[in-house]
């Protein structure tokens, strides 16, 4: 039986060529390279387990994270029903650790989303419009860069009060500065490309070009930077909590748990060790994923 001849004009030939083109696309190639990176895959698996534990875990523990048990004060791990021990108020460390992980991941995700929205919009507009508008917008970024990061966040929180929503906004409102510079640089290299000139010649306005052509083509470095921003945000929140300006009791975050554990480490080592290990594993997972994405998307490595 004679096989069908695939010519460029035939339907089967077109489908085959389309599949081949898709197979050679940037994102397909990046995905294959990413999943060949064992460290990145391991980071994704560990992070998925941590996220699942943060979402479901607090509902499965026998104690609430804010439940006080005077009879269990300083209970060591594996005693009195406390798998990881209890703190100075008899609160279960496992329940508080899972809640703290949930809060820290939420802060990292929301604050990074805020910085992503502001940074991408600011950098894309500055890079595409150029001229005096670009100069003014980037001078604003330079002025904000000159302010100490932690001082700016502390000033916002002292002025408007300390609550978890403000932490989201305050950290995200500072972290967008580097994102805007990255996006601006990518936009400057994209705005004179042929597909952008074609869209401009077709009558598409500046907003449409930015939304349809510029932003979709700079998602690679943005995605990589996002994966590296989330651990930076978690560390920033932990530092604020360590200073007593972050998440307020009885709510917990990894930062507050580490701060409390550092105060009581001579009496209860487990209050410092387990939150610190959780923090290290979380940050390493994000860093492995970010490094894997950077290597997968970098055209010089293909």
C-alpha atoms as a PDB file:
ATOM      1  CA  UNK A   1       0.000   0.000   0.000  1.00  0.00           C
ATOM      2  CA  UNK A   2       1.455   3.323  -1.056  1.00  0.00           C
ATOM      3  CA  UNK A   3       1.699   6.011   1.654  1.00  0.00           C
ATOM      4  CA  UNK A   4       0.294   9.446   1.063  1.00  0.00           C
ATOM      5  CA  UNK A   5       2.742  12.027  -0.209  1.00  0.00           C
ATOM      6  CA  UNK A   6       2.839  15.087   2.060  1.00  0.00           C
ATOM      7  CA  UNK A   7       3.177  18.192  -0.054  1.00  0.00           C
ATOM      8  CA  UNK A   8       3.156  21.711   1.307  1.00  0.00           C
ATOM      9  CA  UNK A   9      -0.184  22.372  -0.376  1.00  0.00           C
ATOM     10  CA  UNK A  10      -1.961  19.314   1.004  1.00  0.00           C
ATOM     11  CA  UNK A  11      -3.997  19.407   4.206  1.00  0.00           C
ATOM     12  CA  UNK A  12      -1.952  16.610   5.816  1.00  0.00           C
ATOM     13  CA  UNK A  13       1.271  18.344   4.849  1.00  0.00           C
ATOM     14  CA  UNK A  14       0.073  21.610   6.354  1.00  0.00           C
ATOM     15  CA  UNK A  15      -0.864  19.883   9.604  1.00  0.00           C
ATOM     16  CA  UNK A  16       2.518  18.144   9.749  1.00  0.00           C
ATOM     17  CA  UNK A  17       4.378  21.402   9.116  1.00  0.00           C
ATOM     18  CA  UNK A  18       2.257  23.145  11.744  1.00  0.00           C
ATOM     19  CA  UNK A  19       3.069  20.450  14.329  1.00  0.00           C
ATOM     20  CA  UNK A  20       6.754  20.698  13.471  1.00  0.00           C
ATOM     21  CA  UNK A  21       6.637  24.467  13.874  1.00  0.00           C
ATOM     22  CA  UNK A  22       4.935  24.123  17.219  1.00  0.00           C
ATOM     23  CA  UNK A  23       7.521  21.568  18.273  1.00  0.00           C
ATOM     24  CA  UNK A  24      10.295  24.053  17.520  1.00  0.00           C
ATOM     25  CA  UNK A  25       8.623  26.975  19.289  1.00  0.00           C
ATOM     26  CA  UNK A  26      10.406  28.845  22.052  1.00  0.00           C
ATOM     27  CA  UNK A  27       7.988  27.814  24.791  1.00  0.00           C
ATOM     28  CA  UNK A  28       7.952  24.126  23.842  1.00  0.00           C
ATOM     29  CA  UNK A  29      11.729  24.082  23.747  1.00  0.00           C
ATOM     30  CA  UNK A  30      11.913  25.950  27.066  1.00  0.00           C
ATOM     31  CA  UNK A  31       9.493  23.491  28.654  1.00  0.00           C
ATOM     32  CA  UNK A  32      11.551  20.504  27.536  1.00  0.00           C
ATOM     33  CA  UNK A  33      14.734  22.107  28.823  1.00  0.00           C
ATOM     34  CA  UNK A  34      13.065  22.980  32.124  1.00  0.00           C
ATOM     35  CA  UNK A  35      11.860  19.442  32.762  1.00  0.00           C
ATOM     36  CA  UNK A  36      15.323  18.078  31.967  1.00  0.00           C
ATOM     37  CA  UNK A  37      16.675  20.190  34.836  1.00  0.00           C
ATOM     38  CA  UNK A  38      16.492  17.867  37.854  1.00  0.00           C
ATOM     39  CA  UNK A  39      16.971  20.633  40.397  1.00  0.00           C
ATOM     40  CA  UNK A  40      14.116  22.654  38.929  1.00  0.00           C
ATOM     41  CA  UNK A  41      11.818  19.632  38.773  1.00  0.00           C
ATOM     42  CA  UNK A  42      12.695  18.764  42.361  1.00  0.00           C
ATOM     43  CA  UNK A  43      11.973  22.350  43.377  1.00  0.00           C
ATOM     44  CA  UNK A  44       8.570  22.223  41.677  1.00  0.00           C
ATOM     45  CA  UNK A  45       7.675  18.964  43.422  1.00  0.00           C
ATOM     46  CA  UNK A  46       8.744  20.235  46.847  1.00  0.00           C
ATOM     47  CA  UNK A  47       6.960  23.554  46.299  1.00  0.00           C
ATOM     48  CA  UNK A  48       3.772  21.757  45.248  1.00  0.00           C
ATOM     49  CA  UNK A  49       3.902  19.704  48.460  1.00  0.00           C
ATOM     50  CA  UNK A  50       4.446  22.863  50.529  1.00  0.00           C
ATOM     51  CA  UNK A  51       1.564  24.685  48.853  1.00  0.00           C
ATOM     52  CA  UNK A  52      -0.740  21.699  49.357  1.00  0.00           C
ATOM     53  CA  UNK A  53       0.308  21.471  53.007  1.00  0.00           C
ATOM     54  CA  UNK A  54      -0.299  25.201  53.501  1.00  0.00           C
ATOM     55  CA  UNK A  55      -3.778  25.004  51.971  1.00  0.00           C
ATOM     56  CA  UNK A  56      -5.036  21.732  53.453  1.00  0.00           C
ATOM     57  CA  UNK A  57      -2.780  21.192  56.470  1.00  0.00           C
ATOM     58  CA  UNK A  58      -4.362  23.634  58.952  1.00  0.00           C
ATOM     59  CA  UNK A  59      -7.693  21.804  58.580  1.00  0.00           C
ATOM     60  CA  UNK A  60      -6.143  18.396  59.322  1.00  0.00           C
ATOM     61  CA  UNK A  61      -4.183  19.155  62.485  1.00  0.00           C
ATOM     62  CA  UNK A  62      -5.818  18.222  65.819  1.00  0.00           C
ATOM     63  CA  UNK A  63      -5.131  21.712  67.227  1.00  0.00           C
ATOM     64  CA  UNK A  64      -5.919  25.198  65.991  1.00  0.00           C
ATOM     65  CA  UNK A  65      -2.982  27.475  65.369  1.00  0.00           C
ATOM     66  CA  UNK A  66      -4.179  29.911  68.084  1.00  0.00           C
ATOM     67  CA  UNK A  67      -5.415  27.308  70.586  1.00  0.00           C
ATOM     68  CA  UNK A  68      -3.804  27.786  74.022  1.00  0.00           C
ATOM     69  CA  UNK A  69      -3.160  24.681  76.150  1.00  0.00           C
ATOM     70  CA  UNK A  70      -1.624  25.585  79.518  1.00  0.00           C
ATOM     71  CA  UNK A  71      -0.924  21.944  80.306  1.00  0.00           C
ATOM     72  CA  UNK A  72       1.259  21.608  77.170  1.00  0.00           C
ATOM     73  CA  UNK A  73       3.587  24.583  77.676  1.00  0.00           C
ATOM     74  CA  UNK A  74       7.068  23.838  76.208  1.00  0.00           C
ATOM     75  CA  UNK A  75       5.930  20.338  75.234  1.00  0.00           C
ATOM     76  CA  UNK A  76       8.782  18.693  73.242  1.00  0.00           C
ATOM     77  CA  UNK A  77       8.148  17.094  69.848  1.00  0.00           C
ATOM     78  CA  UNK A  78       6.181  13.817  69.834  1.00  0.00           C
ATOM     79  CA  UNK A  79       4.660  14.455  73.274  1.00  0.00           C
ATOM     80  CA  UNK A  80       1.104  15.306  74.382  1.00  0.00           C
ATOM     81  CA  UNK A  81      -0.130  14.891  70.813  1.00  0.00           C
ATOM     82  CA  UNK A  82       2.150  17.645  69.470  1.00  0.00           C
ATOM     83  CA  UNK A  83       4.117  16.233  66.546  1.00  0.00           C
ATOM     84  CA  UNK A  84       6.554  19.174  66.436  1.00  0.00           C
ATOM     85  CA  UNK A  85       6.119  20.305  70.030  1.00  0.00           C
ATOM     86  CA  UNK A  86       4.406  23.351  71.545  1.00  0.00           C
ATOM     87  CA  UNK A  87       5.382  26.919  72.394  1.00  0.00           C
ATOM     88  CA  UNK A  88       5.330  29.002  75.587  1.00  0.00           C
ATOM     89  CA  UNK A  89       1.518  29.175  75.504  1.00  0.00           C
ATOM     90  CA  UNK A  90       1.038  25.505  74.719  1.00  0.00           C
ATOM     91  CA  UNK A  91       0.090  26.230  71.102  1.00  0.00           C
ATOM     92  CA  UNK A  92       0.787  23.411  68.650  1.00  0.00           C
ATOM     93  CA  UNK A  93       3.850  24.224  66.557  1.00  0.00           C
ATOM     94  CA  UNK A  94       2.753  22.119  63.578  1.00  0.00           C
ATOM     95  CA  UNK A  95      -0.557  23.979  63.304  1.00  0.00           C
ATOM     96  CA  UNK A  96       1.196  27.330  63.630  1.00  0.00           C
ATOM     97  CA  UNK A  97       3.883  26.302  61.157  1.00  0.00           C
ATOM     98  CA  UNK A  98       1.319  25.328  58.523  1.00  0.00           C
ATOM     99  CA  UNK A  99      -0.585  28.575  59.056  1.00  0.00           C
ATOM    100  CA  UNK A 100       2.657  30.554  58.953  1.00  0.00           C
ATOM    101  CA  UNK A 101       3.622  28.866  55.697  1.00  0.00           C
ATOM    102  CA  UNK A 102       0.221  29.749  54.246  1.00  0.00           C
ATOM    103  CA  UNK A 103       0.570  33.407  55.258  1.00  0.00           C
ATOM    104  CA  UNK A 104       4.140  33.700  53.962  1.00  0.00           C
ATOM    105  CA  UNK A 105       3.279  32.122  50.613  1.00  0.00           C
ATOM    106  CA  UNK A 106       0.222  34.360  50.300  1.00  0.00           C
ATOM    107  CA  UNK A 107       2.293  37.461  51.035  1.00  0.00           C
ATOM    108  CA  UNK A 108       4.905  36.361  48.505  1.00  0.00           C
ATOM    109  CA  UNK A 109       2.283  35.703  45.823  1.00  0.00           C
ATOM    110  CA  UNK A 110       0.134  38.810  46.350  1.00  0.00           C
ATOM    111  CA  UNK A 111       3.014  41.246  46.848  1.00  0.00           C
ATOM    112  CA  UNK A 112       4.780  39.860  43.775  1.00  0.00           C
ATOM    113  CA  UNK A 113       1.546  40.214  41.772  1.00  0.00           C
ATOM    114  CA  UNK A 114       1.330  43.867  42.833  1.00  0.00           C
ATOM    115  CA  UNK A 115       4.938  44.469  41.793  1.00  0.00           C
ATOM    116  CA  UNK A 116       4.329  42.588  38.529  1.00  0.00           C
ATOM    117  CA  UNK A 117       1.327  44.709  37.533  1.00  0.00           C
ATOM    118  CA  UNK A 118       2.940  48.033  38.427  1.00  0.00           C
ATOM    119  CA  UNK A 119       6.404  47.166  37.121  1.00  0.00           C
ATOM    120  CA  UNK A 120       5.294  45.742  33.773  1.00  0.00           C
ATOM    121  CA  UNK A 121       2.900  48.615  33.068  1.00  0.00           C
ATOM    122  CA  UNK A 122       5.412  51.299  34.117  1.00  0.00           C
ATOM    123  CA  UNK A 123       8.370  49.812  32.272  1.00  0.00           C
ATOM    124  CA  UNK A 124       6.444  49.013  29.082  1.00  0.00           C
ATOM    125  CA  UNK A 125       4.978  52.519  28.811  1.00  0.00           C
ATOM    126  CA  UNK A 126       8.321  54.197  29.564  1.00  0.00           C
ATOM    127  CA  UNK A 127      10.216  52.068  27.072  1.00  0.00           C
ATOM    128  CA  UNK A 128       7.657  52.323  24.272  1.00  0.00           C
ATOM    129  CA  UNK A 129       6.853  56.038  24.522  1.00  0.00           C
ATOM    130  CA  UNK A 130      10.458  57.078  25.101  1.00  0.00           C
ATOM    131  CA  UNK A 131      11.678  60.665  25.027  1.00  0.00           C
ATOM    132  CA  UNK A 132      10.820  63.018  27.865  1.00  0.00           C
ATOM    133  CA  UNK A 133       8.149  60.668  29.229  1.00  0.00           C
ATOM    134  CA  UNK A 134      10.735  57.914  29.579  1.00  0.00           C
ATOM    135  CA  UNK A 135      13.155  60.292  31.295  1.00  0.00           C
ATOM    136  CA  UNK A 136      10.580  61.459  33.840  1.00  0.00           C
ATOM    137  CA  UNK A 137       9.276  57.973  34.594  1.00  0.00           C
ATOM    138  CA  UNK A 138      12.721  56.487  35.078  1.00  0.00           C
ATOM    139  CA  UNK A 139      13.859  59.410  37.249  1.00  0.00           C
ATOM    140  CA  UNK A 140      10.937  58.581  39.526  1.00  0.00           C
ATOM    141  CA  UNK A 141      12.256  55.026  39.708  1.00  0.00           C
ATOM    142  CA  UNK A 142      15.757  56.331  40.499  1.00  0.00           C
ATOM    143  CA  UNK A 143      14.433  58.517  43.318  1.00  0.00           C
ATOM    144  CA  UNK A 144      12.518  55.609  44.846  1.00  0.00           C
ATOM    145  CA  UNK A 145      15.604  53.418  44.464  1.00  0.00           C
ATOM    146  CA  UNK A 146      17.587  55.919  46.527  1.00  0.00           C
ATOM    147  CA  UNK A 147      15.289  55.349  49.504  1.00  0.00           C
ATOM    148  CA  UNK A 148      16.275  52.427  51.724  1.00  0.00           C
ATOM    149  CA  UNK A 149      13.838  49.627  50.986  1.00  0.00           C
ATOM    150  CA  UNK A 150      13.150  48.588  54.544  1.00  0.00           C
ATOM    151  CA  UNK A 151      12.868  52.228  55.704  1.00  0.00           C
ATOM    152  CA  UNK A 152      10.205  52.908  53.067  1.00  0.00           C
ATOM    153  CA  UNK A 153       8.163  49.855  54.055  1.00  0.00           C
ATOM    154  CA  UNK A 154       8.465  50.641  57.770  1.00  0.00           C
ATOM    155  CA  UNK A 155       7.377  54.247  57.090  1.00  0.00           C
ATOM    156  CA  UNK A 156       4.256  53.048  55.283  1.00  0.00           C
ATOM    157  CA  UNK A 157       3.371  50.609  58.038  1.00  0.00           C
ATOM    158  CA  UNK A 158       3.969  53.100  60.857  1.00  0.00           C
ATOM    159  CA  UNK A 159       1.895  55.730  59.037  1.00  0.00           C
ATOM    160  CA  UNK A 160      -1.071  53.553  58.072  1.00  0.00           C
ATOM    161  CA  UNK A 161      -0.904  50.900  60.774  1.00  0.00           C
ATOM    162  CA  UNK A 162       0.220  47.289  60.755  1.00  0.00           C
ATOM    163  CA  UNK A 163      -2.111  44.786  59.122  1.00  0.00           C
ATOM    164  CA  UNK A 164      -1.644  41.922  56.742  1.00  0.00           C
ATOM    165  CA  UNK A 165      -3.252  43.674  53.755  1.00  0.00           C
ATOM    166  CA  UNK A 166      -0.932  46.647  54.147  1.00  0.00           C
ATOM    167  CA  UNK A 167       2.046  44.272  54.207  1.00  0.00           C
ATOM    168  CA  UNK A 168       0.935  42.928  50.818  1.00  0.00           C
ATOM    169  CA  UNK A 169       0.675  46.416  49.333  1.00  0.00           C
ATOM    170  CA  UNK A 170       3.728  47.929  51.033  1.00  0.00           C
ATOM    171  CA  UNK A 171       6.186  45.252  49.938  1.00  0.00           C
ATOM    172  CA  UNK A 172       4.685  44.983  46.451  1.00  0.00           C
ATOM    173  CA  UNK A 173       4.775  48.768  46.028  1.00  0.00           C
ATOM    174  CA  UNK A 174       8.562  48.700  46.510  1.00  0.00           C
ATOM    175  CA  UNK A 175       9.538  45.505  44.697  1.00  0.00           C
ATOM    176  CA  UNK A 176       8.226  46.774  41.326  1.00  0.00           C
ATOM    177  CA  UNK A 177      11.229  49.049  40.746  1.00  0.00           C
ATOM    178  CA  UNK A 178      13.600  46.389  39.413  1.00  0.00           C
ATOM    179  CA  UNK A 179      10.761  44.828  37.412  1.00  0.00           C
ATOM    180  CA  UNK A 180      10.113  48.152  35.657  1.00  0.00           C
ATOM    181  CA  UNK A 181      13.768  48.459  34.638  1.00  0.00           C
ATOM    182  CA  UNK A 182      13.848  44.939  33.234  1.00  0.00           C
ATOM    183  CA  UNK A 183      10.633  45.507  31.260  1.00  0.00           C
ATOM    184  CA  UNK A 184      11.807  48.892  29.976  1.00  0.00           C
ATOM    185  CA  UNK A 185      15.039  47.400  28.655  1.00  0.00           C
ATOM    186  CA  UNK A 186      13.194  44.600  26.894  1.00  0.00           C
ATOM    187  CA  UNK A 187      10.657  47.054  25.466  1.00  0.00           C
ATOM    188  CA  UNK A 188      13.410  49.252  24.013  1.00  0.00           C
ATOM    189  CA  UNK A 189      14.750  46.230  22.131  1.00  0.00           C
ATOM    190  CA  UNK A 190      11.305  45.159  20.907  1.00  0.00           C
ATOM    191  CA  UNK A 191       9.637  48.382  19.826  1.00  0.00           C
ATOM    192  CA  UNK A 192      11.610  48.631  16.559  1.00  0.00           C
ATOM    193  CA  UNK A 193      11.082  45.004  15.550  1.00  0.00           C
ATOM    194  CA  UNK A 194       9.322  44.254  12.268  1.00  0.00           C
ATOM    195  CA  UNK A 195       6.114  42.922  13.841  1.00  0.00           C
ATOM    196  CA  UNK A 196       5.742  46.095  15.921  1.00  0.00           C
ATOM    197  CA  UNK A 197       6.350  48.298  12.863  1.00  0.00           C
ATOM    198  CA  UNK A 198       3.762  46.265  10.954  1.00  0.00           C
ATOM    199  CA  UNK A 199       1.209  46.720  13.735  1.00  0.00           C
ATOM    200  CA  UNK A 200       1.926  50.454  13.816  1.00  0.00           C
ATOM    201  CA  UNK A 201       1.549  50.676  10.026  1.00  0.00           C
ATOM    202  CA  UNK A 202      -1.779  48.838  10.297  1.00  0.00           C
ATOM    203  CA  UNK A 203      -3.075  51.659  12.489  1.00  0.00           C
ATOM    204  CA  UNK A 204      -2.890  49.957  15.897  1.00  0.00           C
ATOM    205  CA  UNK A 205      -2.509  52.462  18.716  1.00  0.00           C
ATOM    206  CA  UNK A 206       0.259  52.548  21.300  1.00  0.00           C
ATOM    207  CA  UNK A 207      -1.849  50.892  23.999  1.00  0.00           C
ATOM    208  CA  UNK A 208      -2.821  48.058  21.676  1.00  0.00           C
ATOM    209  CA  UNK A 209       0.765  47.506  20.566  1.00  0.00           C
ATOM    210  CA  UNK A 210       1.959  47.374  24.175  1.00  0.00           C
ATOM    211  CA  UNK A 211      -0.810  44.979  25.226  1.00  0.00           C
ATOM    212  CA  UNK A 212      -0.818  42.701  22.158  1.00  0.00           C
ATOM    213  CA  UNK A 213       2.788  42.698  20.989  1.00  0.00           C
ATOM    214  CA  UNK A 214       5.247  44.119  23.520  1.00  0.00           C
ATOM    215  CA  UNK A 215       4.129  42.485  26.790  1.00  0.00           C
ATOM    216  CA  UNK A 216       3.550  38.954  25.353  1.00  0.00           C
ATOM    217  CA  UNK A 217       7.068  38.983  23.884  1.00  0.00           C
ATOM    218  CA  UNK A 218       8.818  39.927  27.122  1.00  0.00           C
ATOM    219  CA  UNK A 219       7.115  37.336  29.329  1.00  0.00           C
ATOM    220  CA  UNK A 220      10.226  35.125  29.386  1.00  0.00           C
ATOM    221  CA  UNK A 221      12.491  37.331  31.539  1.00  0.00           C
ATOM    222  CA  UNK A 222       9.454  38.546  33.512  1.00  0.00           C
ATOM    223  CA  UNK A 223       8.486  34.997  34.505  1.00  0.00           C
ATOM    224  CA  UNK A 224      12.048  34.264  35.585  1.00  0.00           C
ATOM    225  CA  UNK A 225      12.232  37.428  37.657  1.00  0.00           C
ATOM    226  CA  UNK A 226       8.866  36.678  39.290  1.00  0.00           C
ATOM    227  CA  UNK A 227      10.126  33.312  40.557  1.00  0.00           C
ATOM    228  CA  UNK A 228      13.111  35.094  42.085  1.00  0.00           C
ATOM    229  CA  UNK A 229      11.007  37.933  43.517  1.00  0.00           C
ATOM    230  CA  UNK A 230       8.693  35.689  45.553  1.00  0.00           C
ATOM    231  CA  UNK A 231      11.477  34.420  47.891  1.00  0.00           C
ATOM    232  CA  UNK A 232      12.792  37.992  48.210  1.00  0.00           C
ATOM    233  CA  UNK A 233       9.330  39.144  49.288  1.00  0.00           C
ATOM    234  CA  UNK A 234       9.030  36.284  51.785  1.00  0.00           C
ATOM    235  CA  UNK A 235      12.405  37.251  53.243  1.00  0.00           C
ATOM    236  CA  UNK A 236      11.354  40.901  53.449  1.00  0.00           C
ATOM    237  CA  UNK A 237       8.181  39.973  55.325  1.00  0.00           C
ATOM    238  CA  UNK A 238      10.182  37.722  57.626  1.00  0.00           C
ATOM    239  CA  UNK A 239      12.541  40.589  58.430  1.00  0.00           C
ATOM    240  CA  UNK A 240       9.612  42.901  59.188  1.00  0.00           C
ATOM    241  CA  UNK A 241       8.045  40.239  61.392  1.00  0.00           C
ATOM    242  CA  UNK A 242      11.387  39.748  63.138  1.00  0.00           C
ATOM    243  CA  UNK A 243      11.302  43.470  63.973  1.00  0.00           C
ATOM    244  CA  UNK A 244       7.717  43.189  65.210  1.00  0.00           C
ATOM    245  CA  UNK A 245       6.273  45.168  62.267  1.00  0.00           C
ATOM    246  CA  UNK A 246       4.940  42.272  60.251  1.00  0.00           C
ATOM    247  CA  UNK A 247       2.137  39.816  60.904  1.00  0.00           C
ATOM    248  CA  UNK A 248       0.649  40.426  64.331  1.00  0.00           C
ATOM    249  CA  UNK A 249      -0.299  37.740  66.924  1.00  0.00           C
ATOM    250  CA  UNK A 250      -2.135  35.455  67.129  1.00  0.00           C
ATOM    251  CA  UNK A 251      -1.671  35.146  63.360  1.00  0.00           C
ATOM    252  CA  UNK A 252       1.658  33.589  62.409  1.00  0.00           C
ATOM    253  CA  UNK A 253       4.081  33.725  59.516  1.00  0.00           C
ATOM    254  CA  UNK A 254       7.423  32.034  59.057  1.00  0.00           C
ATOM    255  CA  UNK A 255       9.076  35.288  60.099  1.00  0.00           C
ATOM    256  CA  UNK A 256       7.164  35.589  63.367  1.00  0.00           C
ATOM    257  CA  UNK A 257       7.763  31.914  64.180  1.00  0.00           C
ATOM    258  CA  UNK A 258      11.508  32.301  63.614  1.00  0.00           C
ATOM    259  CA  UNK A 259      11.567  35.497  65.688  1.00  0.00           C
ATOM    260  CA  UNK A 260       9.738  33.820  68.577  1.00  0.00           C
ATOM    261  CA  UNK A 261      11.901  30.725  68.264  1.00  0.00           C
ATOM    262  CA  UNK A 262      15.068  32.812  68.439  1.00  0.00           C
ATOM    263  CA  UNK A 263      13.901  34.302  71.734  1.00  0.00           C
ATOM    264  CA  UNK A 264      13.100  30.910  73.264  1.00  0.00           C
ATOM    265  CA  UNK A 265      15.759  28.726  71.626  1.00  0.00           C
ATOM    266  CA  UNK A 266      17.534  27.975  74.922  1.00  0.00           C
ATOM    267  CA  UNK A 267      14.332  26.542  76.393  1.00  0.00           C
ATOM    268  CA  UNK A 268      12.777  25.009  73.273  1.00  0.00           C
ATOM    269  CA  UNK A 269      15.096  24.407  70.320  1.00  0.00           C
ATOM    270  CA  UNK A 270      12.277  23.046  68.164  1.00  0.00           C
ATOM    271  CA  UNK A 271      10.573  26.458  68.008  1.00  0.00           C
ATOM    272  CA  UNK A 272      13.507  27.778  65.952  1.00  0.00           C
ATOM    273  CA  UNK A 273      14.696  24.695  64.072  1.00  0.00           C
ATOM    274  CA  UNK A 274      11.459  23.615  62.362  1.00  0.00           C
ATOM    275  CA  UNK A 275      10.357  27.079  61.108  1.00  0.00           C
ATOM    276  CA  UNK A 276      13.904  27.802  59.928  1.00  0.00           C
ATOM    277  CA  UNK A 277      14.088  24.521  58.002  1.00  0.00           C
ATOM    278  CA  UNK A 278      10.708  25.260  56.411  1.00  0.00           C
ATOM    279  CA  UNK A 279      11.916  28.702  55.371  1.00  0.00           C
ATOM    280  CA  UNK A 280      15.125  27.302  53.881  1.00  0.00           C
ATOM    281  CA  UNK A 281      13.319  24.576  51.932  1.00  0.00           C
ATOM    282  CA  UNK A 282      10.748  27.073  50.591  1.00  0.00           C
ATOM    283  CA  UNK A 283      13.328  29.596  49.438  1.00  0.00           C
ATOM    284  CA  UNK A 284      15.554  26.924  47.882  1.00  0.00           C
ATOM    285  CA  UNK A 285      12.583  25.537  45.938  1.00  0.00           C
ATOM    286  CA  UNK A 286      11.803  28.946  44.446  1.00  0.00           C
ATOM    287  CA  UNK A 287      15.469  29.575  43.644  1.00  0.00           C
ATOM    288  CA  UNK A 288      15.877  26.205  41.917  1.00  0.00           C
ATOM    289  CA  UNK A 289      12.759  26.875  39.834  1.00  0.00           C
ATOM    290  CA  UNK A 290      13.974  30.370  38.961  1.00  0.00           C
ATOM    291  CA  UNK A 291      17.417  29.113  37.931  1.00  0.00           C
ATOM    292  CA  UNK A 292      15.809  26.370  35.843  1.00  0.00           C
ATOM    293  CA  UNK A 293      13.524  28.841  34.071  1.00  0.00           C
ATOM    294  CA  UNK A 294      16.429  31.185  33.406  1.00  0.00           C
ATOM    295  CA  UNK A 295      18.493  28.398  31.862  1.00  0.00           C
ATOM    296  CA  UNK A 296      15.511  27.120  29.859  1.00  0.00           C
ATOM    297  CA  UNK A 297      14.550  30.501  28.385  1.00  0.00           C
ATOM    298  CA  UNK A 298      18.042  31.929  27.848  1.00  0.00           C
ATOM    299  CA  UNK A 299      18.615  31.787  24.060  1.00  0.00           C
ATOM    300  CA  UNK A 300      22.397  31.539  24.521  1.00  0.00           C
ATOM    301  CA  UNK A 301      21.963  28.126  26.163  1.00  0.00           C
ATOM    302  CA  UNK A 302      19.860  26.610  23.369  1.00  0.00           C
END
